[in-house]
Amino acid sequence: MVIAMYNILPTNDLKPHTEKSTCECKPRVIFENGEIIIIHNSYDGREGLELYNELINKVDNGKKQ
């Protein structure tokens, strides 16, 4: 049985990633439908900005109702 493994990598990051679960960025590993998905974190912290924008949009949408 062959298990597929996929790496989700940020583009244009500050430094290169190792396409393994032991990458320095401390990626999240998900097992789904017999596949391994490795989701890498960015070195520039863009996830924090994305979360902030998502929360602000939820607050703004709540005010419009």
PDB file of N, CA and C in Angstrom:
ATOM      1  N   MET A   1       0.840  -1.187   0.000  1.00  0.00           N
ATOM      2  CA  MET A   1       0.000   0.000   0.000  1.00  0.00           C
ATOM      3  C   MET A   1       0.884   1.249   0.000  1.00  0.00           C
ATOM      4  N   VAL A   2       0.617   2.144  -0.908  1.00  0.00           N
ATOM      5  CA  VAL A   2       1.364   3.393  -1.024  1.00  0.00           C
ATOM      6  C   VAL A   2       0.546   4.503  -0.377  1.00  0.00           C
ATOM      7  N   ILE A   3       1.171   5.248   0.510  1.00  0.00           N
ATOM      8  CA  ILE A   3       0.503   6.365   1.168  1.00  0.00           C
ATOM      9  C   ILE A   3       1.024   7.649   0.544  1.00  0.00           C
ATOM     10  N   ALA A   4       0.095   8.469   0.052  1.00  0.00           N
ATOM     11  CA  ALA A   4       0.482   9.741  -0.556  1.00  0.00           C
ATOM     12  C   ALA A   4       0.773  10.766   0.541  1.00  0.00           C
ATOM     13  N   MET A   5       1.771  11.599   0.304  1.00  0.00           N
ATOM     14  CA  MET A   5       2.114  12.663   1.235  1.00  0.00           C
ATOM     15  C   MET A   5       2.193  13.976   0.469  1.00  0.00           C
ATOM     16  N   TYR A   6       1.506  14.972   0.992  1.00  0.00           N
ATOM     17  CA  TYR A   6       1.476  16.287   0.364  1.00  0.00           C
ATOM     18  C   TYR A   6       2.004  17.330   1.336  1.00  0.00           C
ATOM     19  N   ASN A   7       2.815  18.256   0.838  1.00  0.00           N
ATOM     20  CA  ASN A   7       3.314  19.375   1.622  1.00  0.00           C
ATOM     21  C   ASN A   7       2.653  20.648   1.129  1.00  0.00           C
ATOM     22  N   ILE A   8       2.042  21.383   2.048  1.00  0.00           N
ATOM     23  CA  ILE A   8       1.457  22.685   1.730  1.00  0.00           C
ATOM     24  C   ILE A   8       2.448  23.724   2.249  1.00  0.00           C
ATOM     25  N   LEU A   9       3.045  24.457   1.324  1.00  0.00           N
ATOM     26  CA  LEU A   9       4.119  25.394   1.668  1.00  0.00           C
ATOM     27  C   LEU A   9       3.715  26.837   1.389  1.00  0.00           C
ATOM     28  N   PRO A  10       4.094  27.781   2.263  1.00  0.00           N
ATOM     29  CA  PRO A  10       3.855  29.189   1.971  1.00  0.00           C
ATOM     30  C   PRO A  10       4.734  29.645   0.801  1.00  0.00           C
ATOM     31  N   THR A  11       4.225  30.528  -0.010  1.00  0.00           N
ATOM     32  CA  THR A  11       5.015  31.054  -1.120  1.00  0.00           C
ATOM     33  C   THR A  11       5.765  32.305  -0.677  1.00  0.00           C
ATOM     34  N   ASN A  12       6.884  32.557  -1.318  1.00  0.00           N
ATOM     35  CA  ASN A  12       7.691  33.765  -1.061  1.00  0.00           C
ATOM     36  C   ASN A  12       7.982  33.961   0.425  1.00  0.00           C
ATOM     37  N   ASP A  13       8.361  32.896   1.109  1.00  0.00           N
ATOM     38  CA  ASP A  13       8.640  32.986   2.531  1.00  0.00           C
ATOM     39  C   ASP A  13      10.057  33.501   2.774  1.00  0.00           C
ATOM     40  N   LEU A  14      10.368  33.796   4.016  1.00  0.00           N
ATOM     41  CA  LEU A  14      11.669  34.371   4.363  1.00  0.00           C
ATOM     42  C   LEU A  14      12.828  33.410   4.148  1.00  0.00           C
ATOM     43  N   LYS A  15      12.571  32.115   4.313  1.00  0.00           N
ATOM     44  CA  LYS A  15      13.619  31.122   4.084  1.00  0.00           C
ATOM     45  C   LYS A  15      12.977  29.819   3.617  1.00  0.00           C
ATOM     46  N   PRO A  16      13.759  28.938   3.041  1.00  0.00           N
ATOM     47  CA  PRO A  16      13.205  27.691   2.508  1.00  0.00           C
ATOM     48  C   PRO A  16      12.761  26.719   3.606  1.00  0.00           C
ATOM     49  N   HIS A  17      11.827  25.873   3.245  1.00  0.00           N
ATOM     50  CA  HIS A  17      11.294  24.843   4.133  1.00  0.00           C
ATOM     51  C   HIS A  17      11.856  23.479   3.734  1.00  0.00           C
ATOM     52  N   THR A  18      11.910  22.562   4.691  1.00  0.00           N
ATOM     53  CA  THR A  18      12.241  21.171   4.425  1.00  0.00           C
ATOM     54  C   THR A  18      10.923  20.436   4.260  1.00  0.00           C
ATOM     55  N   GLU A  19      10.732  19.736   3.170  1.00  0.00           N
ATOM     56  CA  GLU A  19       9.456  19.081   2.919  1.00  0.00           C
ATOM     57  C   GLU A  19       9.337  17.799   3.730  1.00  0.00           C
ATOM     58  N   LYS A  20       9.299  17.964   5.043  1.00  0.00           N
ATOM     59  CA  LYS A  20       9.158  16.872   6.003  1.00  0.00           C
ATOM     60  C   LYS A  20       8.370  17.392   7.200  1.00  0.00           C
ATOM     61  N   SER A  21       7.852  16.475   8.000  1.00  0.00           N
ATOM     62  CA  SER A  21       7.113  16.875   9.198  1.00  0.00           C
ATOM     63  C   SER A  21       8.042  17.450  10.262  1.00  0.00           C
ATOM     64  N   THR A  22       9.343  17.291  10.083  1.00  0.00           N
ATOM     65  CA  THR A  22      10.327  17.807  11.033  1.00  0.00           C
ATOM     66  C   THR A  22      10.885  19.169  10.628  1.00  0.00           C
ATOM     67  N   CYS A  23      10.219  19.840   9.695  1.00  0.00           N
ATOM     68  CA  CYS A  23      10.657  21.160   9.241  1.00  0.00           C
ATOM     69  C   CYS A  23      10.764  22.101  10.441  1.00  0.00           C
ATOM     70  N   GLU A  24      11.679  23.033  10.348  1.00  0.00           N
ATOM     71  CA  GLU A  24      11.923  24.009  11.414  1.00  0.00           C
ATOM     72  C   GLU A  24      10.692  24.870  11.732  1.00  0.00           C
ATOM     73  N   CYS A  25       9.751  24.985  10.794  1.00  0.00           N
ATOM     74  CA  CYS A  25       8.559  25.824  10.988  1.00  0.00           C
ATOM     75  C   CYS A  25       7.499  25.161  11.875  1.00  0.00           C
ATOM     76  N   LYS A  26       7.752  23.937  12.305  1.00  0.00           N
ATOM     77  CA  LYS A  26       6.823  23.170  13.149  1.00  0.00           C
ATOM     78  C   LYS A  26       5.458  23.000  12.467  1.00  0.00           C
ATOM     79  N   PRO A  27       5.446  22.314  11.323  1.00  0.00           N
ATOM     80  CA  PRO A  27       4.200  22.160  10.572  1.00  0.00           C
ATOM     81  C   PRO A  27       3.189  21.264  11.285  1.00  0.00           C
ATOM     82  N   ARG A  28       1.946  21.428  10.875  1.00  0.00           N
ATOM     83  CA  ARG A  28       0.847  20.597  11.364  1.00  0.00           C
ATOM     84  C   ARG A  28       0.711  19.412  10.422  1.00  0.00           C
ATOM     85  N   VAL A  29       0.520  18.225  10.961  1.00  0.00           N
ATOM     86  CA  VAL A  29       0.385  17.010  10.150  1.00  0.00           C
ATOM     87  C   VAL A  29      -1.035  16.490  10.298  1.00  0.00           C
ATOM     88  N   ILE A  30      -1.691  16.260   9.157  1.00  0.00           N
ATOM     89  CA  ILE A  30      -3.063  15.759   9.131  1.00  0.00           C
ATOM     90  C   ILE A  30      -3.077  14.445   8.371  1.00  0.00           C
ATOM     91  N   PHE A  31      -3.783  13.465   8.899  1.00  0.00           N
ATOM     92  CA  PHE A  31      -4.005  12.196   8.204  1.00  0.00           C
ATOM     93  C   PHE A  31      -5.452  12.195   7.743  1.00  0.00           C
ATOM     94  N   GLU A  32      -5.653  12.130   6.436  1.00  0.00           N
ATOM     95  CA  GLU A  32      -7.007  12.207   5.892  1.00  0.00           C
ATOM     96  C   GLU A  32      -7.148  11.294   4.683  1.00  0.00           C
ATOM     97  N   ASN A  33      -8.139  10.427   4.709  1.00  0.00           N
ATOM     98  CA  ASN A  33      -8.421   9.510   3.599  1.00  0.00           C
ATOM     99  C   ASN A  33      -7.189   8.729   3.165  1.00  0.00           C
ATOM    100  N   GLY A  34      -6.408   8.275   4.130  1.00  0.00           N
ATOM    101  CA  GLY A  34      -5.225   7.489   3.810  1.00  0.00           C
ATOM    102  C   GLY A  34      -4.053   8.294   3.275  1.00  0.00           C
ATOM    103  N   GLU A  35      -4.117   9.610   3.375  1.00  0.00           N
ATOM    104  CA  GLU A  35      -3.046  10.473   2.889  1.00  0.00           C
ATOM    105  C   GLU A  35      -2.475  11.291   4.043  1.00  0.00           C
ATOM    106  N   ILE A  36      -1.239  11.687   3.904  1.00  0.00           N
ATOM    107  CA  ILE A  36      -0.584  12.539   4.892  1.00  0.00           C
ATOM    108  C   ILE A  36      -0.471  13.937   4.290  1.00  0.00           C
ATOM    109  N   ILE A  37      -0.976  14.922   5.017  1.00  0.00           N
ATOM    110  CA  ILE A  37      -0.913  16.312   4.565  1.00  0.00           C
ATOM    111  C   ILE A  37      -0.104  17.090   5.596  1.00  0.00           C
ATOM    112  N   ILE A  38       0.981  17.709   5.149  1.00  0.00           N
ATOM    113  CA  ILE A  38       1.842  18.488   6.031  1.00  0.00           C
ATOM    114  C   ILE A  38       1.653  19.961   5.690  1.00  0.00           C
ATOM    115  N   ILE A  39       1.105  20.708   6.649  1.00  0.00           N
ATOM    116  CA  ILE A  39       0.811  22.124   6.432  1.00  0.00           C
ATOM    117  C   ILE A  39       1.879  22.942   7.164  1.00  0.00           C
ATOM    118  N   HIS A  40       2.726  23.580   6.387  1.00  0.00           N
ATOM    119  CA  HIS A  40       3.841  24.343   6.939  1.00  0.00           C
ATOM    120  C   HIS A  40       3.393  25.734   7.368  1.00  0.00           C
ATOM    121  N   ASN A  41       4.011  26.239   8.429  1.00  0.00           N
ATOM    122  CA  ASN A  41       3.783  27.599   8.903  1.00  0.00           C
ATOM    123  C   ASN A  41       4.794  28.527   8.238  1.00  0.00           C
ATOM    124  N   SER A  42       4.412  29.764   8.046  1.00  0.00           N
ATOM    125  CA  SER A  42       5.331  30.714   7.432  1.00  0.00           C
ATOM    126  C   SER A  42       6.336  31.202   8.457  1.00  0.00           C
ATOM    127  N   TYR A  43       7.480  31.635   7.979  1.00  0.00           N
ATOM    128  CA  TYR A  43       8.490  32.225   8.852  1.00  0.00           C
ATOM    129  C   TYR A  43       8.239  33.717   9.062  1.00  0.00           C
ATOM    130  N   ASP A  44       7.420  34.321   8.203  1.00  0.00           N
ATOM    131  CA  ASP A  44       7.162  35.759   8.336  1.00  0.00           C
ATOM    132  C   ASP A  44       5.917  36.064   9.166  1.00  0.00           C
ATOM    133  N   GLY A  45       5.229  35.038   9.679  1.00  0.00           N
ATOM    134  CA  GLY A  45       4.104  35.241  10.581  1.00  0.00           C
ATOM    135  C   GLY A  45       2.803  35.651   9.919  1.00  0.00           C
ATOM    136  N   ARG A  46       2.661  35.421   8.634  1.00  0.00           N
ATOM    137  CA  ARG A  46       1.453  35.870   7.931  1.00  0.00           C
ATOM    138  C   ARG A  46       0.171  35.219   8.444  1.00  0.00           C
ATOM    139  N   GLU A  47       0.277  34.055   9.111  1.00  0.00           N
ATOM    140  CA  GLU A  47      -0.914  33.417   9.655  1.00  0.00           C
ATOM    141  C   GLU A  47      -1.588  34.314  10.692  1.00  0.00           C
ATOM    142  N   GLY A  48      -0.783  35.012  11.492  1.00  0.00           N
ATOM    143  CA  GLY A  48      -1.333  35.925  12.496  1.00  0.00           C
ATOM    144  C   GLY A  48      -2.108  37.058  11.857  1.00  0.00           C
ATOM    145  N   LEU A  49      -1.588  37.604  10.778  1.00  0.00           N
ATOM    146  CA  LEU A  49      -2.276  38.671  10.064  1.00  0.00           C
ATOM    147  C   LEU A  49      -3.565  38.158   9.424  1.00  0.00           C
ATOM    148  N   GLU A  50      -3.525  36.954   8.874  1.00  0.00           N
ATOM    149  CA  GLU A  50      -4.723  36.371   8.267  1.00  0.00           C
ATOM    150  C   GLU A  50      -5.803  36.149   9.326  1.00  0.00           C
ATOM    151  N   LEU A  51      -5.427  35.669  10.510  1.00  0.00           N
ATOM    152  CA  LEU A  51      -6.387  35.459  11.590  1.00  0.00           C
ATOM    153  C   LEU A  51      -6.971  36.789  12.047  1.00  0.00           C
ATOM    154  N   TYR A  52      -6.128  37.801  12.183  1.00  0.00           N
ATOM    155  CA  TYR A  52      -6.592  39.136  12.571  1.00  0.00           C
ATOM    156  C   TYR A  52      -7.622  39.661  11.567  1.00  0.00           C
ATOM    157  N   ASN A  53      -7.308  39.565  10.275  1.00  0.00           N
ATOM    158  CA  ASN A  53      -8.238  40.045   9.244  1.00  0.00           C
ATOM    159  C   ASN A  53      -9.551  39.280   9.278  1.00  0.00           C
ATOM    160  N   GLU A  54      -9.473  37.973   9.503  1.00  0.00           N
ATOM    161  CA  GLU A  54     -10.695  37.156   9.575  1.00  0.00           C
ATOM    162  C   GLU A  54     -11.570  37.597  10.754  1.00  0.00           C
ATOM    163  N   LEU A  55     -10.961  37.838  11.898  1.00  0.00           N
ATOM    164  CA  LEU A  55     -11.714  38.277  13.072  1.00  0.00           C
ATOM    165  C   LEU A  55     -12.324  39.659  12.864  1.00  0.00           C
ATOM    166  N   ILE A  56     -11.576  40.576  12.275  1.00  0.00           N
ATOM    167  CA  ILE A  56     -12.095  41.923  12.001  1.00  0.00           C
ATOM    168  C   ILE A  56     -13.281  41.849  11.046  1.00  0.00           C
ATOM    169  N   ASN A  57     -13.190  41.006  10.014  1.00  0.00           N
ATOM    170  CA  ASN A  57     -14.295  40.866   9.073  1.00  0.00           C
ATOM    171  C   ASN A  57     -15.546  40.322   9.745  1.00  0.00           C
ATOM    172  N   LYS A  58     -15.386  39.401  10.679  1.00  0.00           N
ATOM    173  CA  LYS A  58     -16.542  38.860  11.411  1.00  0.00           C
ATOM    174  C   LYS A  58     -17.198  39.939  12.255  1.00  0.00           C
ATOM    175  N   VAL A  59     -16.380  40.769  12.908  1.00  0.00           N
ATOM    176  CA  VAL A  59     -16.907  41.860  13.718  1.00  0.00           C
ATOM    177  C   VAL A  59     -17.631  42.859  12.824  1.00  0.00           C
ATOM    178  N   ASP A  60     -17.017  43.242  11.704  1.00  0.00           N
ATOM    179  CA  ASP A  60     -17.627  44.207  10.783  1.00  0.00           C
ATOM    180  C   ASP A  60     -18.934  43.667  10.221  1.00  0.00           C
ATOM    181  N   ASN A  61     -18.985  42.397   9.856  1.00  0.00           N
ATOM    182  CA  ASN A  61     -20.207  41.803   9.317  1.00  0.00           C
ATOM    183  C   ASN A  61     -21.299  41.747  10.372  1.00  0.00           C
ATOM    184  N   GLY A  62     -20.946  41.571  11.625  1.00  0.00           N
ATOM    185  CA  GLY A  62     -21.924  41.559  12.713  1.00  0.00           C
ATOM    186  C   GLY A  62     -22.550  42.919  12.923  1.00  0.00           C
ATOM    187  N   LYS A  63     -21.797  43.991  12.681  1.00  0.00           N
ATOM    188  CA  LYS A  63     -22.302  45.351  12.845  1.00  0.00           C
ATOM    189  C   LYS A  63     -23.282  45.728  11.744  1.00  0.00           C
ATOM    190  N   LYS A  64     -23.142  45.103  10.559  1.00  0.00           N
ATOM    191  CA  LYS A  64     -23.983  45.454   9.413  1.00  0.00           C
ATOM    192  C   LYS A  64     -25.369  44.836   9.503  1.00  0.00           C
ATOM    193  N   GLN A  65     -25.540  43.843  10.362  1.00  0.00           N
ATOM    194  CA  GLN A  65     -26.840  43.159  10.445  1.00  0.00           C
ATOM    195  C   GLN A  65     -27.818  43.888  11.290  1.00  0.00           C
TER     196      GLN A  65
END
